[in-house]
Amino acid sequence: MSPQFKRIVRTSVAAMALCTIAGSAFAAWPERAVTIIVPWSAGGGTDATARMVAADLQEHFGQPFNVVNRTGGGGLVGHAAIANAKPDGYTLGVITIESTMYESQGLPGVTPKDYDFIGRYNADAIGINVSTKASYGSAKDLIDAVKANPGKITASGANRGGLSHLAWAGLLNTLDIAPDASVWVASDGSAPAMQQIAAGAIDVVSTSPAEARSLVEAGEVKTLALISGERSELFPDIPSTDEIFGIKWSPMPFRGLAGPDGMPKEVIDALSSALKGITEDAKFKDFMKSRGFSVAYQDADTFKATVMADYEGLGKTMKAVGLAK
């Protein structure tokens, strides 16, 4: 055997050994603790659901899944930390719909293109709520009234540029109605807005059915529709705007797992499969229901498509209402 041939054989054997070692090491993922970054403060809904998911992932994979809160910048700090982490599967995060809005707001550093998506576990649509004293029997009646009386029907639910505002303005825009045809009255959140609608000071509140539930149960408010492409498992009798109007506009606040772009596909697949199992578990469903959150699993590809649709749709809406930079 010639020296040259021996070198070729040795090189080939070494390469095969390296591949075997690398494959064995990868197959053992996770070999150590995994960090889950939450871009919002401890004690909130995203934090609470993230800790439940982390505990179940820890049980599934047999390694710690530690939640770390990275707050600031309206979620930008934490979302950027997820995007900029090493894509080795040991730093993940819970992303929310705000991740689709930063670029349009002129805040650089994070777009949905910076992530590898693992799966969605929660989404709760924003509802269209009116007083029970109002003459609108349906969402179609309300929209017809906005068309016929531009500038007369007032709406609220959050600050100008908040998701409740964009969901309502985007619905009008999707229906070829100028977003300012319904005047937006800024509020500090859904609670004061719901009090205003009960007092007859405004006509519409754009907020989740869970936040409207107390006044709905008291008979003061009715939820006409969900601004969504899908019905809620918690409120199955409320129709979606997509089914009513034959459109596609679904800026649903979501919570889902993602990691930095470039993660190994095998890790993504393993996590997505585990997350699916978690969302099908009765204990997890009971926990989410007790907090007023729906369970709405999407696999990695479907979740990515949902996020990209929000990215495009919210960007257009922000331009339409003069908020995009």
Protein backbone atom coordinates (compact mmCIF):
# COMPACT_ATOMS: atom_id res chain seq x y z
CA MET A 1 0.00 0.00 0.00
CA SER A 2 1.53 3.33 -1.05
CA PRO A 3 2.09 6.11 1.51
CA GLN A 4 -0.33 8.33 -0.41
CA PHE A 5 -3.07 5.69 -0.29
CA LYS A 6 -2.44 5.16 3.44
CA ARG A 7 -2.91 8.91 4.03
CA ILE A 8 -6.21 8.83 2.13
CA VAL A 9 -7.42 5.85 4.19
CA ARG A 10 -6.38 7.49 7.48
CA THR A 11 -8.11 10.73 6.50
CA SER A 12 -11.30 8.91 5.55
CA VAL A 13 -11.34 6.90 8.77
CA ALA A 14 -10.78 10.06 10.83
CA ALA A 15 -13.58 11.87 9.02
CA MET A 16 -15.95 8.97 9.61
CA ALA A 17 -15.03 8.90 13.29
CA LEU A 18 -15.65 12.62 13.60
CA CYS A 19 -19.05 12.27 11.98
CA THR A 20 -19.90 9.43 14.35
CA ILE A 21 -18.80 11.43 17.40
CA ALA A 22 -20.67 14.52 16.22
CA GLY A 23 -23.78 12.48 15.51
CA SER A 24 -23.63 10.85 18.92
CA ALA A 25 -23.18 14.21 20.61
CA PHE A 26 -26.06 15.73 18.71
CA ALA A 27 -28.32 12.81 19.41
CA ALA A 28 -27.87 13.52 23.12
CA TRP A 29 -29.39 17.03 22.88
CA PRO A 30 -30.06 18.50 25.31
CA GLU A 31 -26.96 17.54 27.28
CA ARG A 32 -27.32 20.50 29.65
CA ALA A 33 -29.73 23.17 30.78
CA VAL A 34 -31.71 25.14 28.20
CA THR A 35 -32.59 28.81 28.69
CA ILE A 36 -36.01 30.17 27.69
CA ILE A 37 -36.02 33.95 27.38
CA VAL A 38 -39.29 35.76 28.11
CA PRO A 39 -39.37 39.36 26.82
CA TRP A 40 -41.97 40.41 29.39
CA SER A 41 -41.93 40.80 33.16
CA ALA A 42 -42.32 38.08 35.75
CA GLY A 43 -45.87 37.42 36.89
CA GLY A 44 -47.56 38.36 33.63
CA GLY A 45 -49.45 36.03 31.32
CA THR A 46 -46.53 35.35 28.99
CA ASP A 47 -44.24 34.61 31.94
CA ALA A 48 -46.77 32.31 33.60
CA THR A 49 -47.45 30.29 30.47
CA ALA A 50 -43.75 30.14 29.62
CA ARG A 51 -42.95 28.65 33.02
CA MET A 52 -45.62 26.00 32.58
CA VAL A 53 -44.25 25.10 29.13
CA ALA A 54 -40.70 25.08 30.51
CA ALA A 55 -41.65 22.71 33.33
CA ASP A 56 -43.27 20.32 30.87
CA LEU A 57 -40.29 20.48 28.50
CA GLN A 58 -38.00 19.72 31.43
CA GLU A 59 -40.08 16.67 32.26
CA HIS A 60 -40.07 15.57 28.62
CA PHE A 61 -36.35 15.99 27.91
CA GLY A 62 -34.88 15.34 31.37
CA GLN A 63 -32.83 18.55 31.50
CA PRO A 64 -33.56 21.92 33.16
CA PHE A 65 -35.42 24.48 31.05
CA ASN A 66 -34.82 27.75 32.88
CA VAL A 67 -36.98 30.84 32.26
CA VAL A 68 -35.14 34.17 32.21
CA ASN A 69 -37.01 37.48 31.93
CA ARG A 70 -35.31 40.04 29.66
CA THR A 71 -37.54 43.09 29.73
CA GLY A 72 -37.42 46.58 28.28
CA GLY A 73 -38.23 48.50 25.13
CA GLY A 74 -41.76 47.19 24.87
CA GLY A 75 -40.44 43.64 24.55
CA LEU A 76 -37.67 44.59 22.11
CA VAL A 77 -34.82 43.76 24.50
CA GLY A 78 -35.96 40.20 25.10
CA HIS A 79 -36.96 39.53 21.50
CA ALA A 80 -33.54 40.75 20.36
CA ALA A 81 -31.82 38.54 22.93
CA ILE A 82 -33.58 35.49 21.48
CA ALA A 83 -32.69 36.45 17.91
CA ASN A 84 -29.04 37.13 18.73
CA ALA A 85 -28.39 33.98 20.78
CA LYS A 86 -26.14 31.18 19.59
CA PRO A 87 -28.30 28.88 17.40
CA ASP A 88 -27.30 25.67 19.16
CA GLY A 89 -30.66 24.85 20.73
CA TYR A 90 -29.65 25.91 24.23
CA THR A 91 -31.23 29.38 24.11
CA LEU A 92 -34.87 29.61 23.10
CA GLY A 93 -37.59 32.14 23.80
CA VAL A 94 -41.28 32.87 23.91
CA ILE A 95 -42.10 35.38 21.20
CA THR A 96 -45.26 37.47 21.00
CA ILE A 97 -46.98 39.44 18.26
CA GLU A 98 -44.96 42.55 19.14
CA SER A 99 -42.00 40.92 17.38
CA THR A 100 -43.78 41.58 14.08
CA MET A 101 -44.17 45.32 14.73
CA TYR A 102 -40.75 46.69 15.68
CA GLU A 103 -39.40 47.22 12.18
CA SER A 104 -42.47 49.21 11.09
CA GLN A 105 -42.11 51.33 14.22
CA GLY A 106 -38.56 52.22 13.19
CA LEU A 107 -36.99 50.07 15.90
CA PRO A 108 -34.11 48.12 14.33
CA GLY A 109 -32.75 44.78 15.44
CA VAL A 110 -35.62 42.31 15.27
CA THR A 111 -37.84 41.00 12.49
CA PRO A 112 -39.55 37.60 12.19
CA LYS A 113 -36.84 36.65 9.69
CA ASP A 114 -34.36 36.50 12.59
CA TYR A 115 -36.02 33.42 14.14
CA ASP A 116 -36.41 29.72 13.66
CA PHE A 117 -39.97 28.90 14.68
CA ILE A 118 -40.77 25.94 16.93
CA GLY A 119 -44.51 26.24 17.50
CA ARG A 120 -47.37 28.31 18.82
CA TYR A 121 -49.14 27.25 21.99
CA ASN A 122 -51.54 30.13 22.62
CA ALA A 123 -53.52 32.69 20.63
CA ASP A 124 -56.45 34.75 21.84
CA ALA A 125 -58.30 36.88 19.34
CA ILE A 126 -59.39 40.43 19.96
CA GLY A 127 -63.15 40.84 20.06
CA ILE A 128 -65.48 43.57 18.82
CA ASN A 129 -67.59 44.62 21.79
CA VAL A 130 -70.56 46.98 21.86
CA SER A 131 -73.18 47.97 24.41
CA THR A 132 -76.25 45.79 24.61
CA LYS A 133 -78.22 49.03 24.19
CA ALA A 134 -76.68 49.58 20.76
CA SER A 135 -78.76 48.82 17.69
CA TYR A 136 -76.06 46.67 16.07
CA GLY A 137 -77.22 43.08 16.01
CA SER A 138 -74.12 41.82 14.25
CA ALA A 139 -70.61 42.80 13.20
CA LYS A 140 -71.95 43.41 9.69
CA ASP A 141 -74.50 45.89 11.07
CA LEU A 142 -71.72 47.72 12.89
CA ILE A 143 -69.45 47.90 9.85
CA ASP A 144 -72.35 49.13 7.71
CA ALA A 145 -72.91 51.89 10.27
CA VAL A 146 -69.22 52.90 10.15
CA LYS A 147 -69.45 53.10 6.35
CA ALA A 148 -72.64 55.15 6.44
CA ASN A 149 -71.48 57.50 9.22
CA PRO A 150 -67.72 58.16 8.86
CA GLY A 151 -66.27 59.84 11.91
CA LYS A 152 -69.32 59.23 14.07
CA ILE A 153 -68.60 55.83 15.66
CA THR A 154 -65.90 55.89 18.33
CA ALA A 155 -63.73 52.97 19.37
CA SER A 156 -61.20 52.30 22.11
CA GLY A 157 -59.33 49.55 23.96
CA ALA A 158 -55.71 50.70 24.18
CA ASN A 159 -53.32 53.47 23.28
CA ARG A 160 -53.06 54.63 19.68
CA GLY A 161 -50.77 52.13 17.93
CA GLY A 162 -51.51 49.36 20.40
CA LEU A 163 -52.62 46.01 19.07
CA SER A 164 -56.29 46.62 19.93
CA HIS A 165 -56.18 49.79 17.83
CA LEU A 166 -54.36 48.12 14.95
CA ALA A 167 -56.70 45.12 14.95
CA TRP A 168 -59.76 47.37 14.58
CA ALA A 169 -58.14 49.81 12.13
CA GLY A 170 -56.75 46.89 10.12
CA LEU A 171 -60.20 45.31 9.89
CA LEU A 172 -61.61 48.52 8.44
CA ASN A 173 -58.64 48.85 6.09
CA THR A 174 -59.05 45.24 4.90
CA LEU A 175 -62.71 46.00 4.18
CA ASP A 176 -61.64 49.02 2.07
CA ILE A 177 -62.85 51.47 4.70
CA ALA A 178 -60.59 54.33 5.77
CA PRO A 179 -59.30 53.49 9.27
CA ASP A 180 -60.19 56.97 10.52
CA ALA A 181 -63.83 56.41 9.56
CA SER A 182 -64.11 55.21 13.17
CA VAL A 183 -62.45 57.65 15.56
CA TRP A 184 -60.01 55.97 17.96
CA VAL A 185 -60.17 57.21 21.56
CA ALA A 186 -56.90 56.35 23.31
CA SER A 187 -57.17 54.67 26.72
CA ASP A 188 -54.82 53.18 29.28
CA GLY A 189 -56.10 49.71 28.49
CA SER A 190 -59.19 47.60 28.14
CA ALA A 191 -60.51 48.08 31.69
CA PRO A 192 -61.15 51.84 31.46
CA ALA A 193 -62.39 51.41 27.90
CA MET A 194 -64.96 48.84 29.03
CA GLN A 195 -66.20 51.26 31.67
CA GLN A 196 -66.57 53.93 28.99
CA ILE A 197 -68.64 51.67 26.79
CA ALA A 198 -70.85 50.71 29.72
CA ALA A 199 -71.38 54.42 30.44
CA GLY A 200 -72.24 55.11 26.80
CA ALA A 201 -69.19 57.34 26.24
CA ILE A 202 -67.88 55.27 23.29
CA ASP A 203 -69.41 52.84 20.83
CA VAL A 204 -66.91 50.02 20.35
CA VAL A 205 -64.20 48.40 22.46
CA SER A 206 -61.61 46.24 20.75
CA THR A 207 -60.34 43.76 23.34
CA SER A 208 -60.33 40.05 24.15
CA PRO A 209 -63.55 38.28 25.17
CA ALA A 210 -61.88 37.34 28.46
CA GLU A 211 -61.41 41.02 29.33
CA ALA A 212 -64.99 41.81 28.30
CA ARG A 213 -66.49 38.76 30.04
CA SER A 214 -67.57 40.41 33.30
CA LEU A 215 -69.65 43.07 31.54
CA VAL A 216 -70.95 40.53 29.04
CA GLU A 217 -72.13 38.32 31.90
CA ALA A 218 -73.67 41.38 33.56
CA GLY A 219 -75.71 41.98 30.41
CA GLU A 220 -74.16 45.39 29.67
CA VAL A 221 -71.93 44.43 26.73
CA LYS A 222 -72.10 41.95 23.85
CA THR A 223 -69.23 40.60 21.77
CA LEU A 224 -70.22 40.66 18.09
CA ALA A 225 -67.20 38.90 16.58
CA LEU A 226 -63.56 37.98 16.97
CA ILE A 227 -61.09 39.78 14.72
CA SER A 228 -59.65 36.50 13.60
CA GLY A 229 -59.49 33.74 11.05
CA GLU A 230 -60.49 31.10 13.57
CA ARG A 231 -62.98 30.63 16.39
CA SER A 232 -61.82 30.39 19.98
CA GLU A 233 -62.15 27.11 21.86
CA LEU A 234 -63.09 29.15 24.93
CA PHE A 235 -65.79 31.13 23.08
CA PRO A 236 -66.88 28.81 20.26
CA ASP A 237 -70.20 30.61 19.66
CA ILE A 238 -68.59 33.92 18.70
CA PRO A 239 -68.00 34.09 14.91
CA SER A 240 -64.77 35.32 13.35
CA THR A 241 -64.54 38.34 11.06
CA ASP A 242 -62.93 36.19 8.37
CA GLU A 243 -66.00 33.95 8.19
CA ILE A 244 -68.42 36.90 8.35
CA PHE A 245 -66.76 39.06 5.70
CA GLY A 246 -64.83 36.50 3.65
CA ILE A 247 -61.48 38.17 4.35
CA LYS A 248 -58.11 37.26 5.80
CA TRP A 249 -57.18 39.48 8.73
CA SER A 250 -56.11 37.77 11.91
CA PRO A 251 -53.77 39.81 14.13
CA MET A 252 -54.21 37.50 17.10
CA PRO A 253 -51.97 38.07 20.11
CA PHE A 254 -49.94 34.88 20.27
CA ARG A 255 -47.36 33.13 22.40
CA GLY A 256 -45.01 30.66 20.81
CA LEU A 257 -41.57 29.11 21.06
CA ALA A 258 -38.78 30.20 18.75
CA GLY A 259 -35.01 30.31 18.63
CA PRO A 260 -32.34 32.18 16.72
CA ASP A 261 -32.16 31.59 12.98
CA GLY A 262 -29.86 28.68 12.09
CA MET A 263 -30.85 26.09 14.69
CA PRO A 264 -30.41 22.38 13.80
CA LYS A 265 -33.56 21.03 12.18
CA GLU A 266 -33.52 17.97 14.42
CA VAL A 267 -33.72 20.20 17.51
CA ILE A 268 -36.60 22.19 16.04
CA ASP A 269 -38.48 19.00 15.16
CA ALA A 270 -37.93 17.51 18.63
CA LEU A 271 -39.12 20.67 20.36
CA SER A 272 -42.12 21.11 18.06
CA SER A 273 -43.21 17.53 18.69
CA ALA A 274 -42.80 17.97 22.44
CA LEU A 275 -44.76 21.22 22.40
CA LYS A 276 -47.60 19.54 20.50
CA GLY A 277 -47.77 16.88 23.20
CA ILE A 278 -47.82 19.54 25.92
CA THR A 279 -50.76 21.36 24.32
CA GLU A 280 -52.71 18.10 24.15
CA ASP A 281 -52.16 17.35 27.84
CA ALA A 282 -55.19 17.83 30.12
CA LYS A 283 -53.10 19.39 32.89
CA PHE A 284 -51.78 22.09 30.56
CA LYS A 285 -55.26 22.74 29.14
CA ASP A 286 -56.70 23.12 32.63
CA PHE A 287 -53.92 25.52 33.60
CA MET A 288 -54.46 27.67 30.51
CA LYS A 289 -58.24 27.70 30.97
CA SER A 290 -57.85 28.74 34.59
CA ARG A 291 -55.89 31.78 33.40
CA GLY A 292 -58.41 32.59 30.65
CA PHE A 293 -56.04 31.59 27.84
CA SER A 294 -56.89 29.33 24.93
CA VAL A 295 -54.65 26.51 23.74
CA ALA A 296 -53.95 26.95 20.04
CA TYR A 297 -51.06 24.81 18.82
CA GLN A 298 -49.39 25.39 15.46
CA ASP A 299 -46.38 23.45 14.23
CA ALA A 300 -43.21 25.23 13.16
CA ASP A 301 -44.15 25.84 9.52
CA THR A 302 -47.72 26.93 10.26
CA PHE A 303 -46.56 29.22 13.06
CA LYS A 304 -44.03 30.82 10.75
CA ALA A 305 -46.72 31.46 8.12
CA THR A 306 -48.97 33.04 10.78
CA VAL A 307 -46.21 35.31 12.05
CA MET A 308 -45.20 36.41 8.55
CA ALA A 309 -48.84 37.23 7.73
CA ASP A 310 -49.02 39.40 10.87
CA TYR A 311 -45.71 41.03 9.94
CA GLU A 312 -47.03 42.03 6.53
CA GLY A 313 -50.58 42.91 7.61
CA LEU A 314 -49.66 44.98 10.66
CA GLY A 315 -47.01 46.80 8.66
CA LYS A 316 -49.65 47.85 6.11
CA THR A 317 -52.06 48.87 8.85
CA MET A 318 -49.46 50.99 10.62
CA LYS A 319 -48.79 52.80 7.37
CA ALA A 320 -52.52 53.29 6.80
CA VAL A 321 -52.93 54.97 10.21
CA GLY A 322 -49.70 56.99 9.93
CA LEU A 323 -47.71 55.07 12.53
CA ALA A 324 -45.07 53.35 10.39
CA LYS A 325 -41.66 54.96 10.10
